[in-house]
Amino acid sequence: IQKIVAWVDAYRERHPREKLFQTSLPEL
């Protein structure tokens, strides 16, 4: 889980998000 959190943080740095959500988004 720590690896995944670190990967997600790095991904967000490369692909910035305008907003993060506290609930799940509709899935594709």
mmCIF file of all heavy atoms, coordinates in Angstrom:
data_MODEL
# 
_entry.id   MODEL 
# 
loop_
_atom_site.group_PDB 
_atom_site.id 
_atom_site.type_symbol 
_atom_site.label_atom_id 
_atom_site.label_alt_id 
_atom_site.label_comp_id 
_atom_site.label_asym_id 
_atom_site.label_entity_id 
_atom_site.label_seq_id 
_atom_site.pdbx_PDB_ins_code 
_atom_site.Cartn_x 
_atom_site.Cartn_y 
_atom_site.Cartn_z 
_atom_site.occupancy 
_atom_site.B_iso_or_equiv 
_atom_site.pdbx_formal_charge 
_atom_site.auth_seq_id 
_atom_site.auth_comp_id 
_atom_site.auth_asym_id 
_atom_site.auth_atom_id 
_atom_site.pdbx_PDB_model_num 
ATOM 1   N N   . ILE A 1 1  ? 0.844   -1.197 0.000   1.00 0.00 ? 1  ILE A N   1 
ATOM 2   C CA  . ILE A 1 1  ? 0.000   0.000  0.000   1.00 0.00 ? 1  ILE A CA  1 
ATOM 3   C C   . ILE A 1 1  ? 0.879   1.247  0.000   1.00 0.00 ? 1  ILE A C   1 
ATOM 4   O O   . ILE A 1 1  ? 0.594   2.211  -0.715  1.00 0.00 ? 1  ILE A O   1 
ATOM 5   C CB  . ILE A 1 1  ? -0.976  -0.009 1.193   1.00 0.00 ? 1  ILE A CB  1 
ATOM 6   C CG1 . ILE A 1 1  ? -2.061  -1.072 0.953   1.00 0.00 ? 1  ILE A CG1 1 
ATOM 7   C CG2 . ILE A 1 1  ? -1.608  1.367  1.395   1.00 0.00 ? 1  ILE A CG2 1 
ATOM 8   C CD1 . ILE A 1 1  ? -2.960  -1.323 2.156   1.00 0.00 ? 1  ILE A CD1 1 
ATOM 9   N N   . GLN A 1 2  ? 1.970   1.220  0.761   1.00 0.00 ? 2  GLN A N   1 
ATOM 10  C CA  . GLN A 1 2  ? 2.898   2.358  0.767   1.00 0.00 ? 2  GLN A CA  1 
ATOM 11  C C   . GLN A 1 2  ? 3.512   2.574  -0.621  1.00 0.00 ? 2  GLN A C   1 
ATOM 12  O O   . GLN A 1 2  ? 3.678   3.711  -1.058  1.00 0.00 ? 2  GLN A O   1 
ATOM 13  C CB  . GLN A 1 2  ? 3.992   2.152  1.813   1.00 0.00 ? 2  GLN A CB  1 
ATOM 14  C CG  . GLN A 1 2  ? 3.472   2.271  3.224   1.00 0.00 ? 2  GLN A CG  1 
ATOM 15  C CD  . GLN A 1 2  ? 4.503   1.881  4.279   1.00 0.00 ? 2  GLN A CD  1 
ATOM 16  O OE1 . GLN A 1 2  ? 5.566   1.348  3.971   1.00 0.00 ? 2  GLN A OE1 1 
ATOM 17  N NE2 . GLN A 1 2  ? 4.177   2.136  5.528   1.00 0.00 ? 2  GLN A NE2 1 
ATOM 18  N N   . LYS A 1 3  ? 3.824   1.484  -1.326  1.00 0.00 ? 3  LYS A N   1 
ATOM 19  C CA  . LYS A 1 3  ? 4.340   1.590  -2.702  1.00 0.00 ? 3  LYS A CA  1 
ATOM 20  C C   . LYS A 1 3  ? 3.298   2.241  -3.610  1.00 0.00 ? 3  LYS A C   1 
ATOM 21  O O   . LYS A 1 3  ? 3.624   3.073  -4.455  1.00 0.00 ? 3  LYS A O   1 
ATOM 22  C CB  . LYS A 1 3  ? 4.691   0.203  -3.262  1.00 0.00 ? 3  LYS A CB  1 
ATOM 23  C CG  . LYS A 1 3  ? 5.923   -0.416 -2.698  1.00 0.00 ? 3  LYS A CG  1 
ATOM 24  C CD  . LYS A 1 3  ? 6.132   -1.784 -3.332  1.00 0.00 ? 3  LYS A CD  1 
ATOM 25  C CE  . LYS A 1 3  ? 7.193   -2.564 -2.604  1.00 0.00 ? 3  LYS A CE  1 
ATOM 26  N NZ  . LYS A 1 3  ? 7.325   -3.941 -3.134  1.00 0.00 ? 3  LYS A NZ  1 
ATOM 27  N N   . ILE A 1 4  ? 2.050   1.835  -3.447  1.00 0.00 ? 4  ILE A N   1 
ATOM 28  C CA  . ILE A 1 4  ? 0.972   2.381  -4.282  1.00 0.00 ? 4  ILE A CA  1 
ATOM 29  C C   . ILE A 1 4  ? 0.773   3.861  -3.988  1.00 0.00 ? 4  ILE A C   1 
ATOM 30  O O   . ILE A 1 4  ? 0.636   4.668  -4.907  1.00 0.00 ? 4  ILE A O   1 
ATOM 31  C CB  . ILE A 1 4  ? -0.327  1.570  -4.087  1.00 0.00 ? 4  ILE A CB  1 
ATOM 32  C CG1 . ILE A 1 4  ? -0.140  0.145  -4.627  1.00 0.00 ? 4  ILE A CG1 1 
ATOM 33  C CG2 . ILE A 1 4  ? -1.510  2.271  -4.756  1.00 0.00 ? 4  ILE A CG2 1 
ATOM 34  C CD1 . ILE A 1 4  ? -1.233  -0.839 -4.225  1.00 0.00 ? 4  ILE A CD1 1 
ATOM 35  N N   . VAL A 1 5  ? 0.776   4.238  -2.711  1.00 0.00 ? 5  VAL A N   1 
ATOM 36  C CA  . VAL A 1 5  ? 0.619   5.646  -2.339  1.00 0.00 ? 5  VAL A CA  1 
ATOM 37  C C   . VAL A 1 5  ? 1.746   6.473  -2.955  1.00 0.00 ? 5  VAL A C   1 
ATOM 38  O O   . VAL A 1 5  ? 1.515   7.541  -3.531  1.00 0.00 ? 5  VAL A O   1 
ATOM 39  C CB  . VAL A 1 5  ? 0.579   5.823  -0.804  1.00 0.00 ? 5  VAL A CB  1 
ATOM 40  C CG1 . VAL A 1 5  ? 0.690   7.289  -0.414  1.00 0.00 ? 5  VAL A CG1 1 
ATOM 41  C CG2 . VAL A 1 5  ? -0.696  5.214  -0.228  1.00 0.00 ? 5  VAL A CG2 1 
ATOM 42  N N   . ALA A 1 6  ? 2.991   5.977  -2.864  1.00 0.00 ? 6  ALA A N   1 
ATOM 43  C CA  . ALA A 1 6  ? 4.137   6.692  -3.440  1.00 0.00 ? 6  ALA A CA  1 
ATOM 44  C C   . ALA A 1 6  ? 3.995   6.801  -4.956  1.00 0.00 ? 6  ALA A C   1 
ATOM 45  O O   . ALA A 1 6  ? 4.276   7.857  -5.546  1.00 0.00 ? 6  ALA A O   1 
ATOM 46  C CB  . ALA A 1 6  ? 5.435   5.982  -3.074  1.00 0.00 ? 6  ALA A CB  1 
ATOM 47  N N   . TRP A 1 7  ? 3.537   5.745  -5.603  1.00 0.00 ? 7  TRP A N   1 
ATOM 48  C CA  . TRP A 1 7  ? 3.358   5.761  -7.062  1.00 0.00 ? 7  TRP A CA  1 
ATOM 49  C C   . TRP A 1 7  ? 2.291   6.781  -7.438  1.00 0.00 ? 7  TRP A C   1 
ATOM 50  O O   . TRP A 1 7  ? 2.472   7.561  -8.377  1.00 0.00 ? 7  TRP A O   1 
ATOM 51  C CB  . TRP A 1 7  ? 2.969   4.370  -7.560  1.00 0.00 ? 7  TRP A CB  1 
ATOM 52  C CG  . TRP A 1 7  ? 2.918   4.277  -9.045  1.00 0.00 ? 7  TRP A CG  1 
ATOM 53  C CD1 . TRP A 1 7  ? 3.917   3.871  -9.873  1.00 0.00 ? 7  TRP A CD1 1 
ATOM 54  C CD2 . TRP A 1 7  ? 1.816   4.625  -9.901  1.00 0.00 ? 7  TRP A CD2 1 
ATOM 55  N NE1 . TRP A 1 7  ? 3.501   3.935  -11.183 1.00 0.00 ? 7  TRP A NE1 1 
ATOM 56  C CE2 . TRP A 1 7  ? 2.217   4.402  -11.225 1.00 0.00 ? 7  TRP A CE2 1 
ATOM 57  C CE3 . TRP A 1 7  ? 0.536   5.103  -9.665  1.00 0.00 ? 7  TRP A CE3 1 
ATOM 58  C CZ2 . TRP A 1 7  ? 1.378   4.637  -12.311 1.00 0.00 ? 7  TRP A CZ2 1 
ATOM 59  C CZ3 . TRP A 1 7  ? -0.302  5.342  -10.740 1.00 0.00 ? 7  TRP A CZ3 1 
ATOM 60  C CH2 . TRP A 1 7  ? 0.126   5.106  -12.043 1.00 0.00 ? 7  TRP A CH2 1 
ATOM 61  N N   . VAL A 1 8  ? 1.172   6.788  -6.707  1.00 0.00 ? 8  VAL A N   1 
ATOM 62  C CA  . VAL A 1 8  ? 0.086   7.727  -6.993  1.00 0.00 ? 8  VAL A CA  1 
ATOM 63  C C   . VAL A 1 8  ? 0.574   9.165  -6.806  1.00 0.00 ? 8  VAL A C   1 
ATOM 64  O O   . VAL A 1 8  ? 0.281   10.042 -7.630  1.00 0.00 ? 8  VAL A O   1 
ATOM 65  C CB  . VAL A 1 8  ? -1.159  7.423  -6.123  1.00 0.00 ? 8  VAL A CB  1 
ATOM 66  C CG1 . VAL A 1 8  ? -2.163  8.563  -6.165  1.00 0.00 ? 8  VAL A CG1 1 
ATOM 67  C CG2 . VAL A 1 8  ? -1.815  6.122  -6.585  1.00 0.00 ? 8  VAL A CG2 1 
ATOM 68  N N   . ASP A 1 9  ? 1.325   9.420  -5.737  1.00 0.00 ? 9  ASP A N   1 
ATOM 69  C CA  . ASP A 1 9  ? 1.864   10.770 -5.517  1.00 0.00 ? 9  ASP A CA  1 
ATOM 70  C C   . ASP A 1 9  ? 2.762   11.204 -6.670  1.00 0.00 ? 9  ASP A C   1 
ATOM 71  O O   . ASP A 1 9  ? 2.665   12.336 -7.153  1.00 0.00 ? 9  ASP A O   1 
ATOM 72  C CB  . ASP A 1 9  ? 2.640   10.836 -4.197  1.00 0.00 ? 9  ASP A CB  1 
ATOM 73  C CG  . ASP A 1 9  ? 1.739   10.786 -2.977  1.00 0.00 ? 9  ASP A CG  1 
ATOM 74  O OD1 . ASP A 1 9  ? 0.517   11.029 -3.115  1.00 0.00 ? 9  ASP A OD1 1 
ATOM 75  O OD2 . ASP A 1 9  ? 2.251   10.489 -1.874  1.00 0.00 ? 9  ASP A OD2 1 
ATOM 76  N N   . ALA A 1 10 ? 3.636   10.310 -7.135  1.00 0.00 ? 10 ALA A N   1 
ATOM 77  C CA  . ALA A 1 10 ? 4.528   10.627 -8.257  1.00 0.00 ? 10 ALA A CA  1 
ATOM 78  C C   . ALA A 1 10 ? 3.733   10.843 -9.543  1.00 0.00 ? 10 ALA A C   1 
ATOM 79  O O   . ALA A 1 10 ? 4.033   11.748 -10.329 1.00 0.00 ? 10 ALA A O   1 
ATOM 80  C CB  . ALA A 1 10 ? 5.552   9.508  -8.442  1.00 0.00 ? 10 ALA A CB  1 
ATOM 81  N N   . TYR A 1 11 ? 2.708   10.031 -9.767  1.00 0.00 ? 11 TYR A N   1 
ATOM 82  C CA  . TYR A 1 11 ? 1.862   10.175 -10.951 1.00 0.00 ? 11 TYR A CA  1 
ATOM 83  C C   . TYR A 1 11 ? 1.169   11.530 -10.939 1.00 0.00 ? 11 TYR A C   1 
ATOM 84  O O   . TYR A 1 11 ? 1.091   12.214 -11.963 1.00 0.00 ? 11 TYR A O   1 
ATOM 85  C CB  . TYR A 1 11 ? 0.834   9.045  -10.991 1.00 0.00 ? 11 TYR A CB  1 
ATOM 86  C CG  . TYR A 1 11 ? -0.004  9.019  -12.248 1.00 0.00 ? 11 TYR A CG  1 
ATOM 87  C CD1 . TYR A 1 11 ? 0.403   8.271  -13.347 1.00 0.00 ? 11 TYR A CD1 1 
ATOM 88  C CD2 . TYR A 1 11 ? -1.201  9.726  -12.331 1.00 0.00 ? 11 TYR A CD2 1 
ATOM 89  C CE1 . TYR A 1 11 ? -0.373  8.230  -14.503 1.00 0.00 ? 11 TYR A CE1 1 
ATOM 90  C CE2 . TYR A 1 11 ? -1.979  9.690  -13.480 1.00 0.00 ? 11 TYR A CE2 1 
ATOM 91  C CZ  . TYR A 1 11 ? -1.557  8.942  -14.564 1.00 0.00 ? 11 TYR A CZ  1 
ATOM 92  O OH  . TYR A 1 11 ? -2.314  8.910  -15.714 1.00 0.00 ? 11 TYR A OH  1 
ATOM 93  N N   . ARG A 1 12 ? 0.683   11.926 -9.765  1.00 0.00 ? 12 ARG A N   1 
ATOM 94  C CA  . ARG A 1 12 ? 0.010   13.226 -9.644  1.00 0.00 ? 12 ARG A CA  1 
ATOM 95  C C   . ARG A 1 12 ? 0.975   14.386 -9.906  1.00 0.00 ? 12 ARG A C   1 
ATOM 96  O O   . ARG A 1 12 ? 0.560   15.423 -10.417 1.00 0.00 ? 12 ARG A O   1 
ATOM 97  C CB  . ARG A 1 12 ? -0.600  13.381 -8.256  1.00 0.00 ? 12 ARG A CB  1 
ATOM 98  C CG  . ARG A 1 12 ? -1.824  12.542 -8.031  1.00 0.00 ? 12 ARG A CG  1 
ATOM 99  C CD  . ARG A 1 12 ? -2.309  12.718 -6.619  1.00 0.00 ? 12 ARG A CD  1 
ATOM 100 N NE  . ARG A 1 12 ? -3.450  11.877 -6.322  1.00 0.00 ? 12 ARG A NE  1 
ATOM 101 C CZ  . ARG A 1 12 ? -3.801  11.528 -5.105  1.00 0.00 ? 12 ARG A CZ  1 
ATOM 102 N NH1 . ARG A 1 12 ? -3.114  11.956 -4.060  1.00 0.00 ? 12 ARG A NH1 1 
ATOM 103 N NH2 . ARG A 1 12 ? -4.856  10.753 -4.916  1.00 0.00 ? 12 ARG A NH2 1 
ATOM 104 N N   . GLU A 1 13 ? 2.226   14.225 -9.551  1.00 0.00 ? 13 GLU A N   1 
ATOM 105 C CA  . GLU A 1 13 ? 3.216   15.273 -9.845  1.00 0.00 ? 13 GLU A CA  1 
ATOM 106 C C   . GLU A 1 13 ? 3.431   15.407 -11.346 1.00 0.00 ? 13 GLU A C   1 
ATOM 107 O O   . GLU A 1 13 ? 3.563   16.516 -11.858 1.00 0.00 ? 13 GLU A O   1 
ATOM 108 C CB  . GLU A 1 13 ? 4.540   14.969 -9.153  1.00 0.00 ? 13 GLU A CB  1 
ATOM 109 C CG  . GLU A 1 13 ? 4.510   15.246 -7.664  1.00 0.00 ? 13 GLU A CG  1 
ATOM 110 C CD  . GLU A 1 13 ? 5.844   14.994 -6.999  1.00 0.00 ? 13 GLU A CD  1 
ATOM 111 O OE1 . GLU A 1 13 ? 6.892   15.062 -7.689  1.00 0.00 ? 13 GLU A OE1 1 
ATOM 112 O OE2 . GLU A 1 13 ? 5.850   14.729 -5.786  1.00 0.00 ? 13 GLU A OE2 1 
ATOM 113 N N   . ARG A 1 14 ? 3.445   14.267 -12.046 1.00 0.00 ? 14 ARG A N   1 
ATOM 114 C CA  . ARG A 1 14 ? 3.631   14.287 -13.499 1.00 0.00 ? 14 ARG A CA  1 
ATOM 115 C C   . ARG A 1 14 ? 2.367   14.718 -14.239 1.00 0.00 ? 14 ARG A C   1 
ATOM 116 O O   . ARG A 1 14 ? 2.443   15.275 -15.328 1.00 0.00 ? 14 ARG A O   1 
ATOM 117 C CB  . ARG A 1 14 ? 4.063   12.896 -13.995 1.00 0.00 ? 14 ARG A CB  1 
ATOM 118 C CG  . ARG A 1 14 ? 5.433   12.472 -13.558 1.00 0.00 ? 14 ARG A CG  1 
ATOM 119 C CD  . ARG A 1 14 ? 5.894   11.186 -14.249 1.00 0.00 ? 14 ARG A CD  1 
ATOM 120 N NE  . ARG A 1 14 ? 4.924   10.103 -14.265 1.00 0.00 ? 14 ARG A NE  1 
ATOM 121 C CZ  . ARG A 1 14 ? 4.800   9.168  -13.320 1.00 0.00 ? 14 ARG A CZ  1 
ATOM 122 N NH1 . ARG A 1 14 ? 5.560   9.203  -12.249 1.00 0.00 ? 14 ARG A NH1 1 
ATOM 123 N NH2 . ARG A 1 14 ? 3.897   8.207  -13.449 1.00 0.00 ? 14 ARG A NH2 1 
ATOM 124 N N   . HIS A 1 15 ? 1.227   14.418 -13.653 1.00 0.00 ? 15 HIS A N   1 
ATOM 125 C CA  . HIS A 1 15 ? -0.077  14.715 -14.267 1.00 0.00 ? 15 HIS A CA  1 
ATOM 126 C C   . HIS A 1 15 ? -0.941  15.410 -13.212 1.00 0.00 ? 15 HIS A C   1 
ATOM 127 O O   . HIS A 1 15 ? -1.824  14.785 -12.614 1.00 0.00 ? 15 HIS A O   1 
ATOM 128 C CB  . HIS A 1 15 ? -0.766  13.424 -14.728 1.00 0.00 ? 15 HIS A CB  1 
ATOM 129 C CG  . HIS A 1 15 ? 0.081   12.560 -15.597 1.00 0.00 ? 15 HIS A CG  1 
ATOM 130 N ND1 . HIS A 1 15 ? 0.266   12.806 -16.932 1.00 0.00 ? 15 HIS A ND1 1 
ATOM 131 C CD2 . HIS A 1 15 ? 0.815   11.454 -15.319 1.00 0.00 ? 15 HIS A CD2 1 
ATOM 132 C CE1 . HIS A 1 15 ? 1.060   11.884 -17.436 1.00 0.00 ? 15 HIS A CE1 1 
ATOM 133 N NE2 . HIS A 1 15 ? 1.411   11.057 -16.482 1.00 0.00 ? 15 HIS A NE2 1 
ATOM 134 N N   . PRO A 1 16 ? -0.717  16.713 -12.987 1.00 0.00 ? 16 PRO A N   1 
ATOM 135 C CA  . PRO A 1 16 ? -1.424  17.424 -11.916 1.00 0.00 ? 16 PRO A CA  1 
ATOM 136 C C   . PRO A 1 16 ? -2.948  17.366 -12.060 1.00 0.00 ? 16 PRO A C   1 
ATOM 137 O O   . PRO A 1 16 ? -3.491  17.362 -13.157 1.00 0.00 ? 16 PRO A O   1 
ATOM 138 C CB  . PRO A 1 16 ? -0.929  18.864 -12.052 1.00 0.00 ? 16 PRO A CB  1 
ATOM 139 C CG  . PRO A 1 16 ? 0.358   18.764 -12.795 1.00 0.00 ? 16 PRO A CG  1 
ATOM 140 C CD  . PRO A 1 16 ? 0.221   17.587 -13.702 1.00 0.00 ? 16 PRO A CD  1 
ATOM 141 N N   . ARG A 1 17 ? -3.605  17.331 -10.924 1.00 0.00 ? 17 ARG A N   1 
ATOM 142 C CA  . ARG A 1 17 ? -5.057  17.313 -10.853 1.00 0.00 ? 17 ARG A CA  1 
ATOM 143 C C   . ARG A 1 17 ? -5.537  18.661 -10.330 1.00 0.00 ? 17 ARG A C   1 
ATOM 144 O O   . ARG A 1 17 ? -4.927  19.237 -9.440  1.00 0.00 ? 17 ARG A O   1 
ATOM 145 C CB  . ARG A 1 17 ? -5.543  16.223 -9.886  1.00 0.00 ? 17 ARG A CB  1 
ATOM 146 C CG  . ARG A 1 17 ? -5.132  14.809 -10.286 1.00 0.00 ? 17 ARG A CG  1 
ATOM 147 C CD  . ARG A 1 17 ? -5.841  14.463 -11.561 1.00 0.00 ? 17 ARG A CD  1 
ATOM 148 N NE  . ARG A 1 17 ? -5.702  13.085 -11.965 1.00 0.00 ? 17 ARG A NE  1 
ATOM 149 C CZ  . ARG A 1 17 ? -4.990  12.701 -13.015 1.00 0.00 ? 17 ARG A CZ  1 
ATOM 150 N NH1 . ARG A 1 17 ? -4.280  13.563 -13.687 1.00 0.00 ? 17 ARG A NH1 1 
ATOM 151 N NH2 . ARG A 1 17 ? -4.979  11.452 -13.395 1.00 0.00 ? 17 ARG A NH2 1 
ATOM 152 N N   . GLU A 1 18 ? -6.636  19.139 -10.867 1.00 0.00 ? 18 GLU A N   1 
ATOM 153 C CA  . GLU A 1 18 ? -7.231  20.378 -10.374 1.00 0.00 ? 18 GLU A CA  1 
ATOM 154 C C   . GLU A 1 18 ? -7.838  20.169 -9.001  1.00 0.00 ? 18 GLU A C   1 
ATOM 155 O O   . GLU A 1 18 ? -7.785  21.027 -8.139  1.00 0.00 ? 18 GLU A O   1 
ATOM 156 C CB  . GLU A 1 18 ? -8.333  20.846 -11.330 1.00 0.00 ? 18 GLU A CB  1 
ATOM 157 C CG  . GLU A 1 18 ? -8.016  22.160 -11.981 1.00 0.00 ? 18 GLU A CG  1 
ATOM 158 C CD  . GLU A 1 18 ? -9.132  22.587 -12.908 1.00 0.00 ? 18 GLU A CD  1 
ATOM 159 O OE1 . GLU A 1 18 ? -10.240 22.888 -12.420 1.00 0.00 ? 18 GLU A OE1 1 
ATOM 160 O OE2 . GLU A 1 18 ? -8.871  22.621 -14.118 1.00 0.00 ? 18 GLU A OE2 1 
ATOM 161 N N   . LYS A 1 19 ? -8.424  19.015 -8.814  1.00 0.00 ? 19 LYS A N   1 
ATOM 162 C CA  . LYS A 1 19 ? -9.132  18.740 -7.571  1.00 0.00 ? 19 LYS A CA  1 
ATOM 163 C C   . LYS A 1 19 ? -9.046  17.247 -7.262  1.00 0.00 ? 19 LYS A C   1 
ATOM 164 O O   . LYS A 1 19 ? -9.122  16.422 -8.158  1.00 0.00 ? 19 LYS A O   1 
ATOM 165 C CB  . LYS A 1 19 ? -10.595 19.157 -7.734  1.00 0.00 ? 19 LYS A CB  1 
ATOM 166 C CG  . LYS A 1 19 ? -11.463 18.880 -6.539  1.00 0.00 ? 19 LYS A CG  1 
ATOM 167 C CD  . LYS A 1 19 ? -12.894 19.328 -6.797  1.00 0.00 ? 19 LYS A CD  1 
ATOM 168 C CE  . LYS A 1 19 ? -13.742 19.030 -5.578  1.00 0.00 ? 19 LYS A CE  1 
ATOM 169 N NZ  . LYS A 1 19 ? -15.125 19.428 -5.755  1.00 0.00 ? 19 LYS A NZ  1 
ATOM 170 N N   . LEU A 1 20 ? -8.892  16.928 -5.968  1.00 0.00 ? 20 LEU A N   1 
ATOM 171 C CA  . LEU A 1 20 ? -8.986  15.547 -5.522  1.00 0.00 ? 20 LEU A CA  1 
ATOM 172 C C   . LEU A 1 20 ? -10.319 15.372 -4.807  1.00 0.00 ? 20 LEU A C   1 
ATOM 173 O O   . LEU A 1 20 ? -10.818 16.289 -4.161  1.00 0.00 ? 20 LEU A O   1 
ATOM 174 C CB  . LEU A 1 20 ? -7.839  15.202 -4.577  1.00 0.00 ? 20 LEU A CB  1 
ATOM 175 C CG  . LEU A 1 20 ? -6.451  15.202 -5.197  1.00 0.00 ? 20 LEU A CG  1 
ATOM 176 C CD1 . LEU A 1 20 ? -5.401  14.896 -4.134  1.00 0.00 ? 20 LEU A CD1 1 
ATOM 177 C CD2 . LEU A 1 20 ? -6.358  14.203 -6.336  1.00 0.00 ? 20 LEU A CD2 1 
ATOM 178 N N   . PHE A 1 21 ? -10.881 14.205 -4.904  1.00 0.00 ? 21 PHE A N   1 
ATOM 179 C CA  . PHE A 1 21 ? -12.200 13.929 -4.359  1.00 0.00 ? 21 PHE A CA  1 
ATOM 180 C C   . PHE A 1 21 ? -12.098 13.055 -3.117  1.00 0.00 ? 21 PHE A C   1 
ATOM 181 O O   . PHE A 1 21 ? -11.107 12.363 -2.918  1.00 0.00 ? 21 PHE A O   1 
ATOM 182 C CB  . PHE A 1 21 ? -13.069 13.242 -5.420  1.00 0.00 ? 21 PHE A CB  1 
ATOM 183 C CG  . PHE A 1 21 ? -13.253 14.085 -6.640  1.00 0.00 ? 21 PHE A CG  1 
ATOM 184 C CD1 . PHE A 1 21 ? -12.364 14.014 -7.707  1.00 0.00 ? 21 PHE A CD1 1 
ATOM 185 C CD2 . PHE A 1 21 ? -14.310 14.976 -6.726  1.00 0.00 ? 21 PHE A CD2 1 
ATOM 186 C CE1 . PHE A 1 21 ? -12.523 14.805 -8.830  1.00 0.00 ? 21 PHE A CE1 1 
ATOM 187 C CE2 . PHE A 1 21 ? -14.478 15.777 -7.842  1.00 0.00 ? 21 PHE A CE2 1 
ATOM 188 C CZ  . PHE A 1 21 ? -13.580 15.687 -8.904  1.00 0.00 ? 21 PHE A CZ  1 
ATOM 189 N N   . GLN A 1 22 ? -13.133 13.079 -2.295  1.00 0.00 ? 22 GLN A N   1 
ATOM 190 C CA  . GLN A 1 22 ? -13.194 12.206 -1.130  1.00 0.00 ? 22 GLN A CA  1 
ATOM 191 C C   . GLN A 1 22 ? -14.142 11.032 -1.350  1.00 0.00 ? 22 GLN A C   1 
ATOM 192 O O   . GLN A 1 22 ? -14.249 10.162 -0.508  1.00 0.00 ? 22 GLN A O   1 
ATOM 193 C CB  . GLN A 1 22 ? -13.609 12.996 0.114   1.00 0.00 ? 22 GLN A CB  1 
ATOM 194 C CG  . GLN A 1 22 ? -12.526 13.939 0.560   1.00 0.00 ? 22 GLN A CG  1 
ATOM 195 C CD  . GLN A 1 22 ? -12.805 14.529 1.931   1.00 0.00 ? 22 GLN A CD  1 
ATOM 196 O OE1 . GLN A 1 22 ? -13.904 14.447 2.457   1.00 0.00 ? 22 GLN A OE1 1 
ATOM 197 N NE2 . GLN A 1 22 ? -11.789 15.121 2.507   1.00 0.00 ? 22 GLN A NE2 1 
ATOM 198 N N   . THR A 1 23 ? -14.804 11.019 -2.470  1.00 0.00 ? 23 THR A N   1 
ATOM 199 C CA  . THR A 1 23 ? -15.678 9.903  -2.816  1.00 0.00 ? 23 THR A CA  1 
ATOM 200 C C   . THR A 1 23 ? -15.221 9.333  -4.151  1.00 0.00 ? 23 THR A C   1 
ATOM 201 O O   . THR A 1 23 ? -14.512 9.979  -4.916  1.00 0.00 ? 23 THR A O   1 
ATOM 202 C CB  . THR A 1 23 ? -17.146 10.353 -2.940  1.00 0.00 ? 23 THR A CB  1 
ATOM 203 O OG1 . THR A 1 23 ? -17.229 11.368 -3.944  1.00 0.00 ? 23 THR A OG1 1 
ATOM 204 C CG2 . THR A 1 23 ? -17.673 10.893 -1.630  1.00 0.00 ? 23 THR A CG2 1 
ATOM 205 N N   . SER A 1 24 ? -15.634 8.121  -4.431  1.00 0.00 ? 24 SER A N   1 
ATOM 206 C CA  . SER A 1 24 ? -15.283 7.477  -5.690  1.00 0.00 ? 24 SER A CA  1 
ATOM 207 C C   . SER A 1 24 ? -15.947 8.190  -6.854  1.00 0.00 ? 24 SER A C   1 
ATOM 208 O O   . SER A 1 24 ? -17.057 8.707  -6.722  1.00 0.00 ? 24 SER A O   1 
ATOM 209 C CB  . SER A 1 24 ? -15.720 6.016  -5.663  1.00 0.00 ? 24 SER A CB  1 
ATOM 210 O OG  . SER A 1 24 ? -15.088 5.338  -4.609  1.00 0.00 ? 24 SER A OG  1 
ATOM 211 N N   . LEU A 1 25 ? -15.277 8.196  -7.984  1.00 0.00 ? 25 LEU A N   1 
ATOM 212 C CA  . LEU A 1 25 ? -15.840 8.771  -9.207  1.00 0.00 ? 25 LEU A CA  1 
ATOM 213 C C   . LEU A 1 25 ? -16.637 7.710  -9.941  1.00 0.00 ? 25 LEU A C   1 
ATOM 214 O O   . LEU A 1 25 ? -16.420 6.510  -9.747  1.00 0.00 ? 25 LEU A O   1 
ATOM 215 C CB  . LEU A 1 25 ? -14.715 9.274  -10.108 1.00 0.00 ? 25 LEU A CB  1 
ATOM 216 C CG  . LEU A 1 25 ? -13.846 10.392 -9.542  1.00 0.00 ? 25 LEU A CG  1 
ATOM 217 C CD1 . LEU A 1 25 ? -12.702 10.684 -10.502 1.00 0.00 ? 25 LEU A CD1 1 
ATOM 218 C CD2 . LEU A 1 25 ? -14.659 11.635 -9.302  1.00 0.00 ? 25 LEU A CD2 1 
ATOM 219 N N   . PRO A 1 26 ? -17.546 8.106  -10.827 1.00 0.00 ? 26 PRO A N   1 
ATOM 220 C CA  . PRO A 1 26 ? -18.228 7.107  -11.663 1.00 0.00 ? 26 PRO A CA  1 
ATOM 221 C C   . PRO A 1 26 ? -17.176 6.325  -12.455 1.00 0.00 ? 26 PRO A C   1 
ATOM 222 O O   . PRO A 1 26 ? -16.219 6.908  -12.970 1.00 0.00 ? 26 PRO A O   1 
ATOM 223 C CB  . PRO A 1 26 ? -19.101 7.949  -12.590 1.00 0.00 ? 26 PRO A CB  1 
ATOM 224 C CG  . PRO A 1 26 ? -19.243 9.270  -11.906 1.00 0.00 ? 26 PRO A CG  1 
ATOM 225 C CD  . PRO A 1 26 ? -17.990 9.464  -11.112 1.00 0.00 ? 26 PRO A CD  1 
ATOM 226 N N   . GLU A 1 27 ? -17.350 5.029  -12.508 1.00 0.00 ? 27 GLU A N   1 
ATOM 227 C CA  . GLU A 1 27 ? -16.351 4.194  -13.175 1.00 0.00 ? 27 GLU A CA  1 
ATOM 228 C C   . GLU A 1 27 ? -16.653 4.034  -14.654 1.00 0.00 ? 27 GLU A C   1 
ATOM 229 O O   . GLU A 1 27 ? -17.801 4.000  -15.065 1.00 0.00 ? 27 GLU A O   1 
ATOM 230 C CB  . GLU A 1 27 ? -16.276 2.825  -12.510 1.00 0.00 ? 27 GLU A CB  1 
ATOM 231 C CG  . GLU A 1 27 ? -15.684 2.900  -11.129 1.00 0.00 ? 27 GLU A CG  1 
ATOM 232 C CD  . GLU A 1 27 ? -15.285 1.545  -10.598 1.00 0.00 ? 27 GLU A CD  1 
ATOM 233 O OE1 . GLU A 1 27 ? -15.492 0.524  -11.283 1.00 0.00 ? 27 GLU A OE1 1 
ATOM 234 O OE2 . GLU A 1 27 ? -14.741 1.511  -9.485  1.00 0.00 ? 27 GLU A OE2 1 
ATOM 235 N N   . LEU A 1 28 ? -15.586 3.917  -15.406 1.00 0.00 ? 28 LEU A N   1 
ATOM 236 C CA  . LEU A 1 28 ? -15.684 3.573  -16.812 1.00 0.00 ? 28 LEU A CA  1 
ATOM 237 C C   . LEU A 1 28 ? -15.862 2.065  -16.901 1.00 0.00 ? 28 LEU A C   1 
ATOM 238 O O   . LEU A 1 28 ? -15.692 1.350  -15.925 1.00 0.00 ? 28 LEU A O   1 
ATOM 239 C CB  . LEU A 1 28 ? -14.423 4.030  -17.537 1.00 0.00 ? 28 LEU A CB  1 
ATOM 240 C CG  . LEU A 1 28 ? -14.088 5.522  -17.375 1.00 0.00 ? 28 LEU A CG  1 
ATOM 241 C CD1 . LEU A 1 28 ? -12.732 5.832  -17.973 1.00 0.00 ? 28 LEU A CD1 1 
ATOM 242 C CD2 . LEU A 1 28 ? -15.169 6.381  -17.988 1.00 0.00 ? 28 LEU A CD2 1 
# 
